[in-house]
N, C-alpha and C. Protein backbone atom coordinates (compact mmCIF):
# COMPACT_ATOMS: atom_id res chain seq x y z
N MET A 1 -7.70 -5.77 -21.62
CA MET A 1 -6.69 -5.95 -20.93
C MET A 1 -5.78 -7.25 -21.26
N THR A 2 -4.70 -6.73 -21.75
CA THR A 2 -3.44 -7.73 -22.20
C THR A 2 -3.21 -8.70 -21.07
N GLU A 3 -2.94 -9.97 -21.55
CA GLU A 3 -2.44 -10.80 -20.19
C GLU A 3 -1.42 -9.82 -19.34
N SER A 4 -0.52 -9.51 -20.02
CA SER A 4 0.78 -9.26 -19.15
C SER A 4 0.22 -8.36 -18.38
N ALA A 5 -0.78 -7.43 -18.62
CA ALA A 5 -1.06 -6.35 -17.50
C ALA A 5 -1.84 -6.76 -16.53
N ALA A 6 -2.35 -8.19 -16.44
CA ALA A 6 -3.13 -8.57 -15.37
C ALA A 6 -1.84 -9.40 -14.39
N VAL A 7 -0.92 -9.70 -14.89
CA VAL A 7 0.53 -10.15 -13.93
C VAL A 7 0.80 -8.78 -13.20
N LEU A 8 0.86 -9.14 -11.76
CA LEU A 8 0.64 -7.86 -10.50
C LEU A 8 2.58 -8.12 -11.04
N PRO A 9 3.37 -6.91 -10.46
CA PRO A 9 4.12 -6.81 -10.38
C PRO A 9 4.89 -7.22 -8.86
N PRO A 10 6.05 -7.90 -8.74
CA PRO A 10 6.47 -8.37 -6.97
C PRO A 10 6.04 -6.90 -6.10
N LEU A 11 5.76 -7.73 -4.80
CA LEU A 11 5.99 -6.92 -4.24
C LEU A 11 6.64 -6.27 -3.33
N ARG A 12 6.98 -4.68 -3.35
CA ARG A 12 8.43 -4.28 -2.94
C ARG A 12 8.27 -4.06 -1.25
N SER A 13 8.98 -5.29 -0.96
CA SER A 13 9.33 -5.13 0.55
C SER A 13 7.98 -5.42 1.24
N ALA A 14 7.26 -5.98 0.76
CA ALA A 14 6.31 -6.36 1.24
C ALA A 14 5.78 -7.47 2.27
N ARG A 15 6.88 -8.10 2.38
CA ARG A 15 6.93 -9.04 3.63
C ARG A 15 8.32 -9.44 4.48
N ARG A 16 7.90 -9.66 5.61
CA ARG A 16 9.11 -10.19 6.34
C ARG A 16 9.54 -11.59 6.36
N ASP A 17 10.34 -11.55 6.66
CA ASP A 17 10.85 -13.24 7.08
C ASP A 17 9.73 -14.12 7.22
N THR A 18 8.49 -13.88 8.29
CA THR A 18 7.35 -14.57 7.93
C THR A 18 6.65 -14.78 7.01
N GLY A 19 6.45 -14.05 6.20
CA GLY A 19 5.55 -13.92 4.95
C GLY A 19 4.01 -13.87 4.91
N ASP A 20 4.35 -13.30 6.38
CA ASP A 20 2.47 -13.38 6.74
C ASP A 20 2.00 -12.11 6.24
N VAL A 21 0.56 -12.13 5.56
CA VAL A 21 -0.06 -11.00 5.05
C VAL A 21 -0.26 -10.36 5.93
N ASN A 22 -0.82 -10.41 7.40
CA ASN A 22 -0.86 -9.41 8.49
C ASN A 22 0.06 -8.49 8.38
N THR A 23 1.34 -9.13 8.73
CA THR A 23 2.75 -8.34 8.57
C THR A 23 2.58 -7.36 7.09
N THR A 24 2.70 -7.72 6.48
CA THR A 24 2.50 -7.50 5.13
C THR A 24 1.44 -6.16 5.13
N MET A 25 0.39 -6.12 5.67
CA MET A 25 -0.42 -5.03 5.96
C MET A 25 -0.37 -3.88 6.84
N THR A 26 0.33 -4.46 7.83
CA THR A 26 0.60 -3.86 8.77
C THR A 26 1.92 -2.89 8.83
N ASP A 27 2.73 -3.02 7.74
CA ASP A 27 3.94 -2.75 7.22
C ASP A 27 3.45 -1.45 6.36
N LEU A 28 2.52 -1.79 5.86
CA LEU A 28 1.74 -1.03 4.66
C LEU A 28 1.12 0.19 5.50
N HIS A 29 0.30 -0.41 6.52
CA HIS A 29 -0.51 0.52 7.16
C HIS A 29 0.35 2.15 8.24
N GLU A 30 1.30 1.34 8.42
CA GLU A 30 2.67 1.94 9.32
C GLU A 30 3.20 3.42 8.18
N HIS A 31 3.26 2.73 6.87
CA HIS A 31 3.73 3.77 6.20
C HIS A 31 3.50 4.83 5.57
N TYR A 32 2.06 4.44 5.25
CA TYR A 32 1.00 5.26 5.40
C TYR A 32 0.44 6.31 6.29
N VAL A 33 0.31 5.72 7.53
CA VAL A 33 -0.02 6.56 8.30
C VAL A 33 1.26 7.41 8.68
N ARG A 34 2.40 7.45 8.74
CA ARG A 34 3.36 8.53 8.84
C ARG A 34 3.19 9.30 7.77
N ARG A 35 2.98 8.97 6.39
CA ARG A 35 3.00 10.12 5.45
C ARG A 35 1.67 11.13 5.54
N VAL A 36 0.25 10.32 5.78
CA VAL A 36 -0.96 10.70 5.75
C VAL A 36 -0.66 11.86 7.15
N ASN A 37 -0.24 11.54 8.49
CA ASN A 37 0.32 12.62 9.42
C ASN A 37 1.18 13.04 9.19
N ALA A 38 1.74 13.37 8.09
CA ALA A 38 2.89 14.29 8.02
C ALA A 38 1.97 15.56 7.32
N ALA A 39 1.21 15.17 6.29
CA ALA A 39 0.38 15.56 5.45
C ALA A 39 -0.98 16.50 5.84
N VAL A 40 -0.94 16.19 6.99
CA VAL A 40 -2.40 16.38 8.15
C VAL A 40 -1.51 17.50 8.63
N ALA A 41 -0.16 17.58 9.09
CA ALA A 41 0.23 18.57 9.97
C ALA A 41 0.49 19.56 9.11
N ASP A 42 1.02 19.60 8.06
CA ASP A 42 1.09 20.66 6.74
C ASP A 42 0.54 21.12 6.04
N ASP A 43 -0.96 20.54 6.87
CA ASP A 43 -2.43 21.09 5.90
C ASP A 43 -2.86 20.92 4.69
N ARG A 44 -2.19 19.60 4.09
CA ARG A 44 -2.48 19.43 3.00
C ARG A 44 -3.30 18.38 2.12
N THR A 45 -4.30 18.99 2.24
CA THR A 45 -5.53 17.87 1.80
C THR A 45 -5.30 17.38 0.31
N GLY A 46 -4.92 17.91 -0.27
CA GLY A 46 -4.70 17.18 -1.69
C GLY A 46 -3.78 15.99 -1.78
N VAL A 47 -2.44 15.88 -0.86
CA VAL A 47 -1.66 14.80 -0.96
C VAL A 47 -2.36 13.76 0.09
N ILE A 48 -3.45 14.40 1.30
CA ILE A 48 -3.96 13.44 2.11
C ILE A 48 -4.69 12.50 0.81
N ARG A 49 -5.95 13.19 0.23
CA ARG A 49 -6.62 12.33 -0.71
C ARG A 49 -5.93 11.54 -1.70
N GLU A 50 -4.93 11.76 -2.09
CA GLU A 50 -3.65 11.32 -3.03
C GLU A 50 -3.11 9.55 -2.26
N LEU A 51 -2.86 9.85 -0.92
CA LEU A 51 -2.10 8.99 0.12
C LEU A 51 -3.48 7.96 0.39
N ASN A 52 -4.40 8.32 -0.02
CA ASN A 52 -5.85 7.94 0.62
C ASN A 52 -5.63 6.68 -0.74
N GLU A 53 -5.90 6.92 -2.09
CA GLU A 53 -6.20 6.29 -2.83
C GLU A 53 -5.15 4.88 -3.32
N ALA A 54 -3.62 6.03 -2.97
CA ALA A 54 -2.09 4.77 -3.38
C ALA A 54 -2.58 3.90 -2.11
N TYR A 55 -2.84 4.51 -1.32
CA TYR A 55 -3.20 2.76 -0.21
C TYR A 55 -4.18 1.67 -0.44
N LEU A 56 -5.20 2.47 -0.86
CA LEU A 56 -6.04 1.78 -1.36
C LEU A 56 -5.74 0.52 -2.42
N GLU A 57 -5.32 1.23 -3.36
CA GLU A 57 -4.81 0.30 -4.53
C GLU A 57 -3.22 -0.49 -4.18
N GLU A 58 -2.65 -0.18 -3.02
CA GLU A 58 -1.68 -0.57 -2.86
C GLU A 58 -1.90 -2.32 -1.95
N ALA A 59 -2.98 -1.59 -0.74
CA ALA A 59 -3.51 -2.99 -0.01
C ALA A 59 -4.21 -3.82 -1.11
N LEU A 60 -5.00 -3.45 -1.86
CA LEU A 60 -6.07 -4.61 -2.95
C LEU A 60 -4.96 -5.32 -3.52
N ARG A 61 -3.98 -4.60 -4.21
CA ARG A 61 -3.03 -4.93 -5.32
C ARG A 61 -2.39 -6.06 -4.04
N ARG A 62 -1.29 -5.63 -2.89
CA ARG A 62 -0.94 -6.77 -1.80
C ARG A 62 -2.35 -8.06 -1.28
N ILE A 63 -3.30 -7.98 -1.34
CA ILE A 63 -4.21 -8.96 -0.94
C ILE A 63 -4.61 -9.46 -1.95
N LEU A 64 -4.63 -9.32 -3.30
CA LEU A 64 -4.98 -10.07 -4.29
C LEU A 64 -3.70 -10.81 -4.73
N ALA A 65 -2.54 -10.52 -4.26
CA ALA A 65 -1.19 -11.50 -4.91
C ALA A 65 -1.16 -12.37 -3.42
N THR A 66 -1.60 -12.25 -2.16
CA THR A 66 -1.48 -12.99 -1.36
C THR A 66 -2.58 -14.34 -1.51
N ALA A 67 -3.78 -14.09 -2.47
CA ALA A 67 -4.67 -14.62 -2.63
C ALA A 67 -4.12 -16.12 -2.98
């Protein structure tokens, strides 16, 4: 891994004015819940799996960025 690959990109709309990591994670969770619920309603299991993977990656990225 190159040094530039180890640098995380800035968080996209990750923080409100408080900058609280709990707020950041709540916002992320709410975003993905809406998308997963829509995929469940449409019986799109492939999309649900993709959203699950994307959520885990983004949550980890945000946690590491705030550490």
